[in-house]
C-alpha atoms as a PDB file:
ATOM      1  CA  UNK A   1       3.361  13.318  -2.753  1.00  0.00           C
ATOM      2  CA  UNK A   2       6.846  11.884  -2.318  1.00  0.00           C
ATOM      3  CA  UNK A   3       8.157  14.183  -5.062  1.00  0.00           C
ATOM      4  CA  UNK A   4       6.890  17.201  -3.131  1.00  0.00           C
ATOM      5  CA  UNK A   5       8.332  15.926   0.147  1.00  0.00           C
ATOM      6  CA  UNK A   6      11.792  15.441  -1.353  1.00  0.00           C
ATOM      7  CA  UNK A   7      11.711  18.964  -2.766  1.00  0.00           C
ATOM      8  CA  UNK A   8      11.048  20.203   0.769  1.00  0.00           C
ATOM      9  CA  UNK A   9      13.821  17.963   2.182  1.00  0.00           C
ATOM     10  CA  UNK A  10      11.302  16.112   4.372  1.00  0.00           C
ATOM     11  CA  UNK A  11      12.920  12.719   4.948  1.00  0.00           C
ATOM     12  CA  UNK A  12      10.746  10.065   6.634  1.00  0.00           C
ATOM     13  CA  UNK A  13      12.058   7.836   9.426  1.00  0.00           C
ATOM     14  CA  UNK A  14       9.557   5.110   8.490  1.00  0.00           C
ATOM     15  CA  UNK A  15       7.587   4.330   5.313  1.00  0.00           C
ATOM     16  CA  UNK A  16       4.600   1.975   5.463  1.00  0.00           C
ATOM     17  CA  UNK A  17       2.821   0.706   2.365  1.00  0.00           C
ATOM     18  CA  UNK A  18       0.190  -1.724   1.171  1.00  0.00           C
ATOM     19  CA  UNK A  19      -0.483  -3.065  -2.333  1.00  0.00           C
ATOM     20  CA  UNK A  20       0.855  -0.539  -4.863  1.00  0.00           C
ATOM     21  CA  UNK A  21       2.046   1.425  -1.828  1.00  0.00           C
ATOM     22  CA  UNK A  22       4.227  -1.544  -0.894  1.00  0.00           C
ATOM     23  CA  UNK A  23       6.000  -1.291  -4.255  1.00  0.00           C
ATOM     24  CA  UNK A  24       6.530   2.434  -3.723  1.00  0.00           C
ATOM     25  CA  UNK A  25       7.729   1.938  -0.137  1.00  0.00           C
ATOM     26  CA  UNK A  26      10.178  -0.799  -1.117  1.00  0.00           C
ATOM     27  CA  UNK A  27      11.362   1.251  -4.078  1.00  0.00           C
ATOM     28  CA  UNK A  28      12.042   4.315  -1.937  1.00  0.00           C
ATOM     29  CA  UNK A  29      13.685   2.128   0.698  1.00  0.00           C
ATOM     30  CA  UNK A  30      15.977   0.631  -1.934  1.00  0.00           C
ATOM     31  CA  UNK A  31      17.225   4.013  -3.112  1.00  0.00           C
ATOM     32  CA  UNK A  32      14.836   5.028  -5.915  1.00  0.00           C
ATOM     33  CA  UNK A  33      14.246   8.779  -6.013  1.00  0.00           C
ATOM     34  CA  UNK A  34      10.965  10.459  -6.966  1.00  0.00           C
ATOM     35  CA  UNK A  35      11.902  10.820 -10.631  1.00  0.00           C
ATOM     36  CA  UNK A  36      12.782   7.126 -10.869  1.00  0.00           C
ATOM     37  CA  UNK A  37       9.377   6.217  -9.420  1.00  0.00           C
ATOM     38  CA  UNK A  38       7.634   8.530 -11.886  1.00  0.00           C
ATOM     39  CA  UNK A  39       9.507   6.890 -14.771  1.00  0.00           C
ATOM     40  CA  UNK A  40       8.565   3.438 -13.485  1.00  0.00           C
ATOM     41  CA  UNK A  41       4.819   4.119 -13.306  1.00  0.00           C
ATOM     42  CA  UNK A  42       4.743   5.980 -16.635  1.00  0.00           C
ATOM     43  CA  UNK A  43       6.698   3.272 -18.479  1.00  0.00           C
ATOM     44  CA  UNK A  44       5.074   0.018 -17.385  1.00  0.00           C
ATOM     45  CA  UNK A  45       1.548  -0.105 -18.785  1.00  0.00           C
ATOM     46  CA  UNK A  46      -0.944  -2.956 -18.419  1.00  0.00           C
ATOM     47  CA  UNK A  47       0.691  -5.156 -21.077  1.00  0.00           C
ATOM     48  CA  UNK A  48       3.964  -4.920 -19.147  1.00  0.00           C
ATOM     49  CA  UNK A  49       2.286  -5.777 -15.821  1.00  0.00           C
ATOM     50  CA  UNK A  50       0.043  -8.798 -16.329  1.00  0.00           C
ATOM     51  CA  UNK A  51      -1.541 -11.181 -18.820  1.00  0.00           C
ATOM     52  CA  UNK A  52      -5.046 -12.625 -18.869  1.00  0.00           C
ATOM     53  CA  UNK A  53      -5.254 -16.242 -17.705  1.00  0.00           C
ATOM     54  CA  UNK A  54      -8.891 -16.686 -18.719  1.00  0.00           C
ATOM     55  CA  UNK A  55      -9.174 -20.303 -19.931  1.00  0.00           C
ATOM     56  CA  UNK A  56      -7.552 -21.949 -16.854  1.00  0.00           C
ATOM     57  CA  UNK A  57      -9.485 -19.561 -14.599  1.00  0.00           C
ATOM     58  CA  UNK A  58     -12.843 -20.454 -16.180  1.00  0.00           C
ATOM     59  CA  UNK A  59     -11.988 -24.151 -16.234  1.00  0.00           C
ATOM     60  CA  UNK A  60     -11.361 -24.211 -12.493  1.00  0.00           C
ATOM     61  CA  UNK A  61     -14.249 -21.853 -11.748  1.00  0.00           C
ATOM     62  CA  UNK A  62     -16.872 -23.800 -13.702  1.00  0.00           C
ATOM     63  CA  UNK A  63     -15.723 -27.218 -12.500  1.00  0.00           C
ATOM     64  CA  UNK A  64     -15.366 -26.150  -8.871  1.00  0.00           C
ATOM     65  CA  UNK A  65     -12.198 -28.230  -8.591  1.00  0.00           C
ATOM     66  CA  UNK A  66      -9.850 -25.537  -7.387  1.00  0.00           C
ATOM     67  CA  UNK A  67      -8.816 -21.904  -7.506  1.00  0.00           C
ATOM     68  CA  UNK A  68      -6.782 -20.271 -10.253  1.00  0.00           C
ATOM     69  CA  UNK A  69      -6.088 -16.526 -10.425  1.00  0.00           C
ATOM     70  CA  UNK A  70      -7.510 -14.646 -13.388  1.00  0.00           C
ATOM     71  CA  UNK A  71      -4.245 -12.852 -14.167  1.00  0.00           C
ATOM     72  CA  UNK A  72      -0.621 -13.892 -14.626  1.00  0.00           C
ATOM     73  CA  UNK A  73       1.616 -11.295 -12.925  1.00  0.00           C
ATOM     74  CA  UNK A  74       5.055 -12.656 -13.768  1.00  0.00           C
ATOM     75  CA  UNK A  75       5.738  -9.489 -15.793  1.00  0.00           C
ATOM     76  CA  UNK A  76       5.018  -7.343 -12.732  1.00  0.00           C
ATOM     77  CA  UNK A  77       7.189  -9.638 -10.635  1.00  0.00           C
ATOM     78  CA  UNK A  78      10.079  -9.131 -13.057  1.00  0.00           C
ATOM     79  CA  UNK A  79       9.535  -5.362 -12.940  1.00  0.00           C
ATOM     80  CA  UNK A  80       9.698  -5.317  -9.137  1.00  0.00           C
ATOM     81  CA  UNK A  81      12.787  -7.541  -9.112  1.00  0.00           C
ATOM     82  CA  UNK A  82      14.544  -5.276 -11.633  1.00  0.00           C
ATOM     83  CA  UNK A  83      13.845  -2.053  -9.718  1.00  0.00           C
ATOM     84  CA  UNK A  84      14.102  -2.981  -6.028  1.00  0.00           C
ATOM     85  CA  UNK A  85      17.619  -3.398  -4.631  1.00  0.00           C
ATOM     86  CA  UNK A  86      16.926  -5.825  -1.785  1.00  0.00           C
ATOM     87  CA  UNK A  87      20.438  -5.579  -0.304  1.00  0.00           C
ATOM     88  CA  UNK A  88      20.160  -1.787  -0.153  1.00  0.00           C
ATOM     89  CA  UNK A  89      16.669  -2.089   1.323  1.00  0.00           C
ATOM     90  CA  UNK A  90      17.809  -4.507   4.025  1.00  0.00           C
ATOM     91  CA  UNK A  91      20.596  -2.188   5.168  1.00  0.00           C
ATOM     92  CA  UNK A  92      18.718   1.106   4.852  1.00  0.00           C
ATOM     93  CA  UNK A  93      18.354   3.003   8.132  1.00  0.00           C
ATOM     94  CA  UNK A  94      14.939   4.245   7.013  1.00  0.00           C
ATOM     95  CA  UNK A  95      12.443   1.681   8.267  1.00  0.00           C
ATOM     96  CA  UNK A  96      10.142   0.218   5.617  1.00  0.00           C
ATOM     97  CA  UNK A  97       7.069  -1.826   6.559  1.00  0.00           C
ATOM     98  CA  UNK A  98       4.640  -3.512   4.166  1.00  0.00           C
ATOM     99  CA  UNK A  99       1.484  -5.476   4.930  1.00  0.00           C
ATOM    100  CA  UNK A 100      -0.086  -8.714   3.702  1.00  0.00           C
ATOM    101  CA  UNK A 101      -2.930 -10.929   4.891  1.00  0.00           C
ATOM    102  CA  UNK A 102      -2.348 -14.530   5.951  1.00  0.00           C
ATOM    103  CA  UNK A 103      -5.005 -16.365   3.924  1.00  0.00           C
ATOM    104  CA  UNK A 104      -5.349 -19.207   6.448  1.00  0.00           C
ATOM    105  CA  UNK A 105      -5.668 -17.141   9.636  1.00  0.00           C
ATOM    106  CA  UNK A 106      -7.234 -14.029   8.034  1.00  0.00           C
ATOM    107  CA  UNK A 107      -4.867 -11.873  10.090  1.00  0.00           C
ATOM    108  CA  UNK A 108      -2.875  -8.899   8.777  1.00  0.00           C
ATOM    109  CA  UNK A 109       0.895  -9.421   8.761  1.00  0.00           C
ATOM    110  CA  UNK A 110       3.593  -6.760   8.704  1.00  0.00           C
ATOM    111  CA  UNK A 111       7.165  -7.161   7.468  1.00  0.00           C
ATOM    112  CA  UNK A 112      10.099  -4.746   7.673  1.00  0.00           C
ATOM    113  CA  UNK A 113      13.419  -4.221   5.862  1.00  0.00           C
ATOM    114  CA  UNK A 114      15.096  -7.205   7.458  1.00  0.00           C
ATOM    115  CA  UNK A 115      12.355  -9.531   6.190  1.00  0.00           C
ATOM    116  CA  UNK A 116      11.081  -8.115   2.898  1.00  0.00           C
ATOM    117  CA  UNK A 117      11.717 -10.260  -0.160  1.00  0.00           C
ATOM    118  CA  UNK A 118      10.147 -10.338  -3.606  1.00  0.00           C
ATOM    119  CA  UNK A 119       7.290 -12.575  -2.465  1.00  0.00           C
ATOM    120  CA  UNK A 120       6.347 -10.146   0.330  1.00  0.00           C
ATOM    121  CA  UNK A 121       5.945  -7.258  -2.119  1.00  0.00           C
ATOM    122  CA  UNK A 122       3.992  -9.365  -4.605  1.00  0.00           C
ATOM    123  CA  UNK A 123       1.751 -10.700  -1.827  1.00  0.00           C
ATOM    124  CA  UNK A 124       0.962  -7.203  -0.584  1.00  0.00           C
ATOM    125  CA  UNK A 125      -0.566  -6.333  -3.962  1.00  0.00           C
ATOM    126  CA  UNK A 126      -2.092  -9.730  -4.787  1.00  0.00           C
ATOM    127  CA  UNK A 127      -5.769  -8.831  -5.153  1.00  0.00           C
ATOM    128  CA  UNK A 128      -7.690 -11.998  -4.188  1.00  0.00           C
ATOM    129  CA  UNK A 129      -8.866 -14.134  -7.123  1.00  0.00           C
ATOM    130  CA  UNK A 130      -7.482 -11.623  -9.645  1.00  0.00           C
ATOM    131  CA  UNK A 131      -3.752 -11.910  -8.831  1.00  0.00           C
ATOM    132  CA  UNK A 132      -1.802 -14.995  -7.685  1.00  0.00           C
ATOM    133  CA  UNK A 133      -1.412 -15.352  -3.937  1.00  0.00           C
ATOM    134  CA  UNK A 134       2.169 -15.741  -2.714  1.00  0.00           C
ATOM    135  CA  UNK A 135       3.709 -18.241  -0.323  1.00  0.00           C
ATOM    136  CA  UNK A 136       5.760 -16.763   2.517  1.00  0.00           C
ATOM    137  CA  UNK A 137       7.562 -19.463   4.482  1.00  0.00           C
ATOM    138  CA  UNK A 138       5.113 -21.985   3.056  1.00  0.00           C
ATOM    139  CA  UNK A 139       1.973 -20.031   4.020  1.00  0.00           C
ATOM    140  CA  UNK A 140      -0.293 -18.349   1.427  1.00  0.00           C
ATOM    141  CA  UNK A 141      -0.632 -14.563   1.679  1.00  0.00           C
ATOM    142  CA  UNK A 142      -2.497 -12.024  -0.402  1.00  0.00           C
ATOM    143  CA  UNK A 143      -3.369  -8.331  -0.634  1.00  0.00           C
ATOM    144  CA  UNK A 144      -2.739  -6.503   2.629  1.00  0.00           C
ATOM    145  CA  UNK A 145      -5.374  -3.982   1.604  1.00  0.00           C
ATOM    146  CA  UNK A 146      -8.166  -6.410   2.431  1.00  0.00           C
ATOM    147  CA  UNK A 147      -7.523  -5.930   6.164  1.00  0.00           C
ATOM    148  CA  UNK A 148      -4.874  -3.201   6.537  1.00  0.00           C
ATOM    149  CA  UNK A 149      -5.357  -0.906   3.567  1.00  0.00           C
ATOM    150  CA  UNK A 150      -3.707   1.949   5.457  1.00  0.00           C
ATOM    151  CA  UNK A 151      -0.922   0.340   7.554  1.00  0.00           C
ATOM    152  CA  UNK A 152      -0.911   3.027  10.225  1.00  0.00           C
ATOM    153  CA  UNK A 153      -0.258   0.819  13.254  1.00  0.00           C
ATOM    154  CA  UNK A 154       3.449   0.140  12.549  1.00  0.00           C
ATOM    155  CA  UNK A 155       4.107   3.903  12.342  1.00  0.00           C
ATOM    156  CA  UNK A 156       2.315   4.452  15.650  1.00  0.00           C
ATOM    157  CA  UNK A 157       4.249   1.630  17.308  1.00  0.00           C
ATOM    158  CA  UNK A 158       7.490   3.038  15.906  1.00  0.00           C
ATOM    159  CA  UNK A 159       6.802   6.307  17.709  1.00  0.00           C
ATOM    160  CA  UNK A 160       6.403   8.578  14.697  1.00  0.00           C
ATOM    161  CA  UNK A 161       5.402  12.090  15.786  1.00  0.00           C
ATOM    162  CA  UNK A 162       4.470  13.365  12.306  1.00  0.00           C
ATOM    163  CA  UNK A 163       2.533  11.048   9.984  1.00  0.00           C
ATOM    164  CA  UNK A 164       1.446  11.765   6.411  1.00  0.00           C
ATOM    165  CA  UNK A 165      -1.216   9.339   5.165  1.00  0.00           C
ATOM    166  CA  UNK A 166      -1.593   9.110   1.386  1.00  0.00           C
ATOM    167  CA  UNK A 167      -4.847   7.602   0.142  1.00  0.00           C
ATOM    168  CA  UNK A 168      -6.106   6.602  -3.302  1.00  0.00           C
ATOM    169  CA  UNK A 169      -9.705   7.085  -2.177  1.00  0.00           C
ATOM    170  CA  UNK A 170     -11.541  10.103  -0.736  1.00  0.00           C
ATOM    171  CA  UNK A 171     -13.877   7.886   1.328  1.00  0.00           C
ATOM    172  CA  UNK A 172     -13.991   9.016   5.005  1.00  0.00           C
ATOM    173  CA  UNK A 173     -11.834  12.003   4.019  1.00  0.00           C
ATOM    174  CA  UNK A 174     -14.047  14.033   1.657  1.00  0.00           C
ATOM    175  CA  UNK A 175     -17.869  13.820   1.539  1.00  0.00           C
ATOM    176  CA  UNK A 176     -19.175  12.287  -1.691  1.00  0.00           C
ATOM    177  CA  UNK A 177     -22.474  12.751  -3.507  1.00  0.00           C
ATOM    178  CA  UNK A 178     -25.192  10.111  -3.226  1.00  0.00           C
ATOM    179  CA  UNK A 179     -24.558   7.182  -5.655  1.00  0.00           C
ATOM    180  CA  UNK A 180     -26.205   7.692  -9.045  1.00  0.00           C
ATOM    181  CA  UNK A 181     -26.511   4.010  -9.931  1.00  0.00           C
ATOM    182  CA  UNK A 182     -25.793   0.464  -8.764  1.00  0.00           C
ATOM    183  CA  UNK A 183     -22.172   0.538  -9.941  1.00  0.00           C
ATOM    184  CA  UNK A 184     -21.254   3.697  -8.036  1.00  0.00           C
ATOM    185  CA  UNK A 185     -23.094   2.368  -4.967  1.00  0.00           C
ATOM    186  CA  UNK A 186     -21.060  -0.856  -5.072  1.00  0.00           C
ATOM    187  CA  UNK A 187     -17.858   1.141  -5.597  1.00  0.00           C
ATOM    188  CA  UNK A 188     -18.666   3.268  -2.563  1.00  0.00           C
ATOM    189  CA  UNK A 189     -19.387   0.225  -0.381  1.00  0.00           C
ATOM    190  CA  UNK A 190     -16.149  -1.421  -1.574  1.00  0.00           C
ATOM    191  CA  UNK A 191     -14.099   1.648  -0.663  1.00  0.00           C
ATOM    192  CA  UNK A 192     -15.910   2.009   2.673  1.00  0.00           C
ATOM    193  CA  UNK A 193     -14.900  -1.556   3.531  1.00  0.00           C
ATOM    194  CA  UNK A 194     -11.273  -0.807   2.648  1.00  0.00           C
ATOM    195  CA  UNK A 195     -11.350   2.387   4.713  1.00  0.00           C
ATOM    196  CA  UNK A 196     -12.534   0.540   7.812  1.00  0.00           C
ATOM    197  CA  UNK A 197      -9.048  -0.406   9.005  1.00  0.00           C
ATOM    198  CA  UNK A 198      -7.889   3.199   8.645  1.00  0.00           C
ATOM    199  CA  UNK A 199     -10.782   4.537  10.704  1.00  0.00           C
ATOM    200  CA  UNK A 200     -10.253   1.849  13.347  1.00  0.00           C
ATOM    201  CA  UNK A 201      -6.565   2.736  13.655  1.00  0.00           C
ATOM    202  CA  UNK A 202      -7.343   6.431  14.064  1.00  0.00           C
ATOM    203  CA  UNK A 203     -10.058   5.722  16.622  1.00  0.00           C
ATOM    204  CA  UNK A 204      -7.715   3.525  18.657  1.00  0.00           C
ATOM    205  CA  UNK A 205      -5.131   6.264  19.208  1.00  0.00           C
ATOM    206  CA  UNK A 206      -4.407   6.473  22.884  1.00  0.00           C
ATOM    207  CA  UNK A 207      -5.493   2.892  23.519  1.00  0.00           C
ATOM    208  CA  UNK A 208      -3.175  -0.020  24.098  1.00  0.00           C
ATOM    209  CA  UNK A 209      -2.842  -2.003  20.873  1.00  0.00           C
ATOM    210  CA  UNK A 210      -1.525  -5.512  20.451  1.00  0.00           C
ATOM    211  CA  UNK A 211       2.060  -5.838  19.298  1.00  0.00           C
ATOM    212  CA  UNK A 212       2.750  -6.958  15.765  1.00  0.00           C
ATOM    213  CA  UNK A 213       4.834 -10.096  16.333  1.00  0.00           C
ATOM    214  CA  UNK A 214       6.464 -10.090  12.888  1.00  0.00           C
ATOM    215  CA  UNK A 215       8.221  -6.772  13.514  1.00  0.00           C
ATOM    216  CA  UNK A 216      11.323  -5.958  15.482  1.00  0.00           C
ATOM    217  CA  UNK A 217      10.338  -3.133  17.786  1.00  0.00           C
ATOM    218  CA  UNK A 218      13.131  -0.670  17.137  1.00  0.00           C
ATOM    219  CA  UNK A 219      11.579   2.740  17.742  1.00  0.00           C
ATOM    220  CA  UNK A 220      12.580   6.375  17.729  1.00  0.00           C
ATOM    221  CA  UNK A 221      12.787   6.132  21.527  1.00  0.00           C
ATOM    222  CA  UNK A 222      15.421   3.444  22.247  1.00  0.00           C
ATOM    223  CA  UNK A 223      15.868   4.516  25.871  1.00  0.00           C
ATOM    224  CA  UNK A 224      12.499   2.940  26.665  1.00  0.00           C
ATOM    225  CA  UNK A 225      10.796   6.258  27.382  1.00  0.00           C
ATOM    226  CA  UNK A 226       7.176   6.209  26.328  1.00  0.00           C
ATOM    227  CA  UNK A 227       5.899   8.580  23.687  1.00  0.00           C
ATOM    228  CA  UNK A 228       2.635   9.655  25.287  1.00  0.00           C
ATOM    229  CA  UNK A 229       1.552  12.568  23.100  1.00  0.00           C
ATOM    230  CA  UNK A 230      -0.546  11.880  20.041  1.00  0.00           C
ATOM    231  CA  UNK A 231       1.270  12.163  16.701  1.00  0.00           C
ATOM    232  CA  UNK A 232       0.420  14.968  14.308  1.00  0.00           C
ATOM    233  CA  UNK A 233      -1.408  13.234  11.437  1.00  0.00           C
ATOM    234  CA  UNK A 234      -2.464  14.702   8.093  1.00  0.00           C
ATOM    235  CA  UNK A 235      -4.301  12.782   5.379  1.00  0.00           C
ATOM    236  CA  UNK A 236      -4.042  13.453   1.643  1.00  0.00           C
ATOM    237  CA  UNK A 237      -6.587  11.998  -0.778  1.00  0.00           C
ATOM    238  CA  UNK A 238      -7.941  12.524  -4.300  1.00  0.00           C
ATOM    239  CA  UNK A 239     -11.126  14.530  -4.720  1.00  0.00           C
ATOM    240  CA  UNK A 240     -13.237  11.725  -6.172  1.00  0.00           C
ATOM    241  CA  UNK A 241     -13.437   7.936  -6.213  1.00  0.00           C
ATOM    242  CA  UNK A 242     -11.404   6.210  -8.909  1.00  0.00           C
ATOM    243  CA  UNK A 243     -13.896   3.361  -9.315  1.00  0.00           C
ATOM    244  CA  UNK A 244     -13.526  -0.348 -10.062  1.00  0.00           C
ATOM    245  CA  UNK A 245     -11.966   0.320 -13.459  1.00  0.00           C
ATOM    246  CA  UNK A 246      -8.902   1.822 -11.786  1.00  0.00           C
ATOM    247  CA  UNK A 247      -8.000  -1.422  -9.970  1.00  0.00           C
ATOM    248  CA  UNK A 248      -6.294  -2.898 -13.036  1.00  0.00           C
ATOM    249  CA  UNK A 249      -5.612   0.383 -14.809  1.00  0.00           C
ATOM    250  CA  UNK A 250      -1.853   0.765 -15.212  1.00  0.00           C
ATOM    251  CA  UNK A 251      -2.199   3.200 -18.121  1.00  0.00           C
ATOM    252  CA  UNK A 252       0.286   6.035 -18.519  1.00  0.00           C
ATOM    253  CA  UNK A 253      -2.572   8.559 -18.565  1.00  0.00           C
ATOM    254  CA  UNK A 254      -3.940   7.459 -15.168  1.00  0.00           C
ATOM    255  CA  UNK A 255      -0.440   7.313 -13.684  1.00  0.00           C
ATOM    256  CA  UNK A 256       0.300  10.879 -14.807  1.00  0.00           C
ATOM    257  CA  UNK A 257      -3.091  12.080 -13.579  1.00  0.00           C
ATOM    258  CA  UNK A 258      -2.578  10.601 -10.105  1.00  0.00           C
ATOM    259  CA  UNK A 259       1.027  11.813  -9.870  1.00  0.00           C
ATOM    260  CA  UNK A 260      -0.003  15.361 -10.826  1.00  0.00           C
ATOM    261  CA  UNK A 261      -2.978  15.357  -8.454  1.00  0.00           C
ATOM    262  CA  UNK A 262      -0.845  13.989  -5.618  1.00  0.00           C
ATOM    263  CA  UNK A 263       1.772  16.689  -6.119  1.00  0.00           C
ATOM    264  CA  UNK A 264      -0.825  19.489  -6.222  1.00  0.00           C
ATOM    265  CA  UNK A 265      -2.634  18.134  -3.162  1.00  0.00           C
ATOM    266  CA  UNK A 266       0.635  17.880  -1.241  1.00  0.00           C
ATOM    267  CA  UNK A 267       1.748  21.392  -2.176  1.00  0.00           C
ATOM    268  CA  UNK A 268      -1.640  22.771  -1.096  1.00  0.00           C
ATOM    269  CA  UNK A 269      -2.018  20.973   2.237  1.00  0.00           C
ATOM    270  CA  UNK A 270       1.513  20.264   3.482  1.00  0.00           C
ATOM    271  CA  UNK A 271       3.060  23.742   3.524  1.00  0.00           C
ATOM    272  CA  UNK A 272       1.994  24.431   7.092  1.00  0.00           C
ATOM    273  CA  UNK A 273       2.583  20.822   8.155  1.00  0.00           C
ATOM    274  CA  UNK A 274       6.249  20.575   7.210  1.00  0.00           C
END
């Protein structure tokens, strides 16, 4: 989608991302162009992202004496560190916001350019139990997708008047067929749970929302004038569910498939929008 937008010279004022979207948002905010992002996701396969940590995981799980993540993501951490220019990101005029969840309070947290460090990005994509949680100022955080899978609220608070939402699931966007078996039923329920925050944010448009205390409220309207009209929002999504197997699938083939589908979907649906 971003590749198509850059070809049309559509430059966002704010980019919000969660999980893998947080890596993309931080990458774009640190100066990576669309081709650089394509190279990143088609170069780093599973073996360059994480390693199985099975024996310690099972030891802790069976004994009940603690919690150890199943996967070691130090390779992914090195990849993010090598590709994200944090100084550039901090000084970029394009606002970047990523989300995490505070494990202790179970509240979503949002962080912008002035705050984002390596641990924030890793926390945003730290799938509970599978990936290591991250400590931010001494507090454990993990995957923002568990409570804010589509971080729409920061864009609304910023005053964005055109918003493009990019999903990795068609749930709530495109009707799906009835589940054929237990696995597809569980996958559908899982994606419905993740989509809940997105639907809630859309339904709350026009209502007063609580401020997000972690963010500095610099908006497009610095004079203090309110932006009363609803933003123009369009949602892009794949045609079918990716399923559980896609959660840890960093294969080149899936990356290329999603990149191609995203570009085609954007070119089909965004012509009249932008």
